[in-house]
Amino acid sequence: MKKSIKDVCLLVLFLCWAYTVQAQEVMPLYDGEVPDAHPADDQEYAENNGEILAKVSRPTLTAFLPAKEKANGTAVIICPGGGYEVLVIQREGYKVAKAFNELGVAAFVLKYRLPSPKTMQDQSIGPLQDAQQAIKTVRQQAAAWNIHLDKIGIMGFSAGGHLASTAGTHFNKAYIANKEETSLRPDFMLLVYPVISLSKALAHQGSKDHLLGSKPTKQQVRLFSNELQVTPDTPPTLLLHAEDDDVVNVANSIRFFEALKAVSVPAGLHIYPDGRHGFPTGAAAKDWFNQCRLWMEQRGLLDKRI
């Protein structure tokens, strides 16, 4: 029996829907209890038609897998920004993940916990625990997702850049249960207008206050000023920033780049003359993802491997 055009269209729509469900899998970040969490009601809510999430206390990882014919075995864990107060989950998360899929890269959007003494025993390490758990999860599931174990990177925007750079400089200490001793070191970092330093001269005050509270110790400030935590084992890094950023001082990226070069870690730094924070307009808005692509190409991260 011949199918009508309507039947064919419905079949196509169903197949597209089925593929989307398969390609975008939302999973709880932890199998059991969330580490160091206080018992609390889930008060998470969305703003701006789902663009922004607030009061996140139930972390998840959303997998965006590329078509098999495109897949090259590289994976990126994406940490949206938002000053450790909210998550810009669409523009700095899901949309970026879909762009990576077009390059054959598996992308994982991390909905990490937002620091709060109401939901965490130590608010300074809650987001880092989630980032480490995301890296551990992707490594342990790499075979199932057709990912190479040496091509798992992390990306962050603004305060998410601070989280990503923390994961890339604090990997020698496990802040989560890791009896398998899975490597928590990302293989590369992509940091976009990132908060790096929590020092008085460079810090984005909102990010600092939300992460460490209003009266952090000198030791806390130093520990989470990631330009001071760089070693020769820090992963290769690309930094993108705008000179006219009036939210996060461009010197954050410059200092981190200088720290990487001082210990001979491969690094790239691209500073746009304008673009402001978030790259809303101008050349930065059109070019920043292309810079990621070019850097990844140069490092062989977009090459298919048999």
Foldseek 3Di string as FASTA:
>chain_A
DDDDPVRVVVVVVVVVVVVVPVQKDKDFLDPDDQPQWDDDDQPWDAPDVRQKIFQDQGKIKIKGAADPVQAFQAEEEFEADDLLGMGRCVPRHPVVQVVVSVLNYMYIYIPFGRFDVNTGVASQCRRLLSLLSVLQVCLVCSVVRVHDNLRYAYEYAAQGLLSRLLLLQVQVDRPDDDPVPPRSHGQEYEYELYQQALDPVFGLVSSNCRNQNDDHDPVSRQSSNSLNRDALSRHEYEYEEECPAPRGHPVSVVSSVVSCVVRPHHYHYDYHPDQYGPSPDDPCVVCVVVVVVVVCVVVVSSHHDD
